[in-house]
Amino acid sequence: MSAEGVDLIARIAQGDREAFSRFYDAFAPLAFGVIRRIVQQPGDAEDVLQEVFWEIWRLSGRYEPARERARGLGPHTRPEPGNRPPAFPP
């Protein structure tokens, strides 16, 4: 993730809504593209995207740039088992 992305996450962890908005604008299209390849229904994909960014907001204080650098957003785009939209394949 870019230095700007890391800075935005640090600001999100402090409750900065403007930083969250900027982060969303920068990364939502990428995340939605990944989700849309997995989730068949656009409405369900939008629900998953919303959950992903809710988790980013909620867990931003745990972000460790050095540890997370290689993983990116990938792990956050997979719903928890049992919490998948109906069209999400098992």
C-alpha atoms as a PDB file:
ATOM      1  CA  MET A   1       0.000   0.000   0.000  1.00  0.00           C
ATOM      2  CA  SER A   2       1.200   3.504  -0.737  1.00  0.00           C
ATOM      3  CA  ALA A   3       2.449   5.842   1.981  1.00  0.00           C
ATOM      4  CA  GLU A   4      -0.724   7.864   1.459  1.00  0.00           C
ATOM      5  CA  GLY A   5      -2.872   4.752   2.049  1.00  0.00           C
ATOM      6  CA  VAL A   6      -0.979   3.961   5.251  1.00  0.00           C
ATOM      7  CA  ASP A   7      -1.429   7.571   6.407  1.00  0.00           C
ATOM      8  CA  LEU A   8      -5.152   7.398   5.646  1.00  0.00           C
ATOM      9  CA  ILE A   9      -5.551   4.219   7.682  1.00  0.00           C
ATOM     10  CA  ALA A  10      -3.726   5.818  10.620  1.00  0.00           C
ATOM     11  CA  ARG A  11      -6.137   8.754  10.395  1.00  0.00           C
ATOM     12  CA  ILE A  12      -9.133   6.414  10.074  1.00  0.00           C
ATOM     13  CA  ALA A  13      -8.015   4.727  13.304  1.00  0.00           C
ATOM     14  CA  GLN A  14      -8.357   8.147  14.953  1.00  0.00           C
ATOM     15  CA  GLY A  15     -11.955   8.434  13.683  1.00  0.00           C
ATOM     16  CA  ASP A  16     -11.204  10.763  10.749  1.00  0.00           C
ATOM     17  CA  ARG A  17     -14.224  10.460   8.442  1.00  0.00           C
ATOM     18  CA  GLU A  18     -12.634  12.540   5.672  1.00  0.00           C
ATOM     19  CA  ALA A  19      -9.687  10.115   5.605  1.00  0.00           C
ATOM     20  CA  PHE A  20     -12.146   7.214   5.380  1.00  0.00           C
ATOM     21  CA  SER A  21     -13.925   8.894   2.476  1.00  0.00           C
ATOM     22  CA  ARG A  22     -10.648   9.404   0.640  1.00  0.00           C
ATOM     23  CA  PHE A  23      -9.596   5.795   1.375  1.00  0.00           C
ATOM     24  CA  TYR A  24     -12.944   4.527   0.093  1.00  0.00           C
ATOM     25  CA  ASP A  25     -12.664   6.593  -3.095  1.00  0.00           C
ATOM     26  CA  ALA A  26      -9.163   5.239  -3.702  1.00  0.00           C
ATOM     27  CA  PHE A  27      -9.741   1.554  -2.936  1.00  0.00           C
ATOM     28  CA  ALA A  28     -13.438   0.727  -3.370  1.00  0.00           C
ATOM     29  CA  PRO A  29     -13.226   0.282  -7.160  1.00  0.00           C
ATOM     30  CA  LEU A  30     -10.402  -2.252  -6.756  1.00  0.00           C
ATOM     31  CA  ALA A  31     -12.162  -4.101  -3.938  1.00  0.00           C
ATOM     32  CA  PHE A  32     -15.464  -4.115  -5.832  1.00  0.00           C
ATOM     33  CA  GLY A  33     -13.733  -5.587  -8.886  1.00  0.00           C
ATOM     34  CA  VAL A  34     -12.407  -8.466  -6.804  1.00  0.00           C
ATOM     35  CA  ILE A  35     -15.737  -9.004  -5.067  1.00  0.00           C
ATOM     36  CA  ARG A  36     -17.683  -8.850  -8.329  1.00  0.00           C
ATOM     37  CA  ARG A  37     -15.605 -11.699  -9.766  1.00  0.00           C
ATOM     38  CA  ILE A  38     -16.753 -13.878  -6.870  1.00  0.00           C
ATOM     39  CA  VAL A  39     -20.287 -12.681  -6.099  1.00  0.00           C
ATOM     40  CA  GLN A  40     -22.718 -13.108  -8.978  1.00  0.00           C
ATOM     41  CA  GLN A  41     -25.419 -10.609  -8.054  1.00  0.00           C
ATOM     42  CA  PRO A  42     -24.420  -6.905  -8.169  1.00  0.00           C
ATOM     43  CA  GLY A  43     -26.561  -6.072  -5.136  1.00  0.00           C
ATOM     44  CA  ASP A  44     -24.908  -8.825  -3.110  1.00  0.00           C
ATOM     45  CA  ALA A  45     -21.480  -7.602  -4.249  1.00  0.00           C
ATOM     46  CA  GLU A  46     -22.358  -4.102  -3.038  1.00  0.00           C
ATOM     47  CA  ASP A  47     -23.380  -5.565   0.336  1.00  0.00           C
ATOM     48  CA  VAL A  48     -20.048  -7.369   0.625  1.00  0.00           C
ATOM     49  CA  LEU A  49     -18.203  -4.166  -0.320  1.00  0.00           C
ATOM     50  CA  GLN A  50     -20.045  -2.315   2.426  1.00  0.00           C
ATOM     51  CA  GLU A  51     -19.077  -5.010   4.941  1.00  0.00           C
ATOM     52  CA  VAL A  52     -15.438  -4.874   3.818  1.00  0.00           C
ATOM     53  CA  PHE A  53     -15.218  -1.144   4.387  1.00  0.00           C
ATOM     54  CA  TRP A  54     -17.106  -1.387   7.687  1.00  0.00           C
ATOM     55  CA  GLU A  55     -14.439  -3.856   8.832  1.00  0.00           C
ATOM     56  CA  ILE A  56     -11.688  -1.527   7.636  1.00  0.00           C
ATOM     57  CA  TRP A  57     -13.238   1.302   9.678  1.00  0.00           C
ATOM     58  CA  ARG A  58     -13.741  -0.931  12.704  1.00  0.00           C
ATOM     59  CA  LEU A  59     -10.322  -2.625  12.639  1.00  0.00           C
ATOM     60  CA  SER A  60      -8.159   0.243  11.364  1.00  0.00           C
ATOM     61  CA  GLY A  61      -6.457   0.614  14.747  1.00  0.00           C
ATOM     62  CA  ARG A  62      -4.981  -2.872  14.355  1.00  0.00           C
ATOM     63  CA  TYR A  63      -3.350  -2.131  11.010  1.00  0.00           C
ATOM     64  CA  GLU A  64       0.381  -2.886  10.966  1.00  0.00           C
ATOM     65  CA  PRO A  65       1.883  -1.606   7.695  1.00  0.00           C
ATOM     66  CA  ALA A  66       4.971  -3.832   7.820  1.00  0.00           C
ATOM     67  CA  ARG A  67       2.948  -7.011   8.364  1.00  0.00           C
ATOM     68  CA  GLU A  68       0.082  -6.166   6.056  1.00  0.00           C
ATOM     69  CA  ARG A  69       2.039  -4.818   3.092  1.00  0.00           C
ATOM     70  CA  ALA A  70       2.107  -8.150   1.249  1.00  0.00           C
ATOM     71  CA  ARG A  71      -1.542  -8.981   1.918  1.00  0.00           C
ATOM     72  CA  GLY A  72      -3.268  -5.776   0.817  1.00  0.00           C
ATOM     73  CA  LEU A  73      -7.071  -5.807   0.824  1.00  0.00           C
ATOM     74  CA  GLY A  74      -7.420  -9.411  -0.332  1.00  0.00           C
ATOM     75  CA  PRO A  75      -8.193 -11.047   3.021  1.00  0.00           C
ATOM     76  CA  HIS A  76     -10.770  -8.375   3.833  1.00  0.00           C
ATOM     77  CA  THR A  77     -12.765  -9.141   0.689  1.00  0.00           C
ATOM     78  CA  ARG A  78     -13.649 -12.656   1.847  1.00  0.00           C
ATOM     79  CA  PRO A  79     -16.761 -12.834   4.050  1.00  0.00           C
ATOM     80  CA  GLU A  80     -16.603 -14.887   7.217  1.00  0.00           C
ATOM     81  CA  PRO A  81     -17.958 -18.443   6.801  1.00  0.00           C
ATOM     82  CA  GLY A  82     -21.675 -18.485   7.502  1.00  0.00           C
ATOM     83  CA  ASN A  83     -21.950 -14.772   6.697  1.00  0.00           C
ATOM     84  CA  ARG A  84     -21.940 -15.075   2.919  1.00  0.00           C
ATOM     85  CA  PRO A  85     -24.602 -13.666   0.639  1.00  0.00           C
ATOM     86  CA  PRO A  86     -26.803 -16.374  -0.909  1.00  0.00           C
ATOM     87  CA  ALA A  87     -25.106 -16.079  -4.322  1.00  0.00           C
ATOM     88  CA  PHE A  88     -21.600 -16.493  -2.835  1.00  0.00           C
ATOM     89  CA  PRO A  89     -20.222 -19.909  -3.776  1.00  0.00           C
ATOM     90  CA  PRO A  90     -19.200 -22.184  -0.884  1.00  0.00           C
END
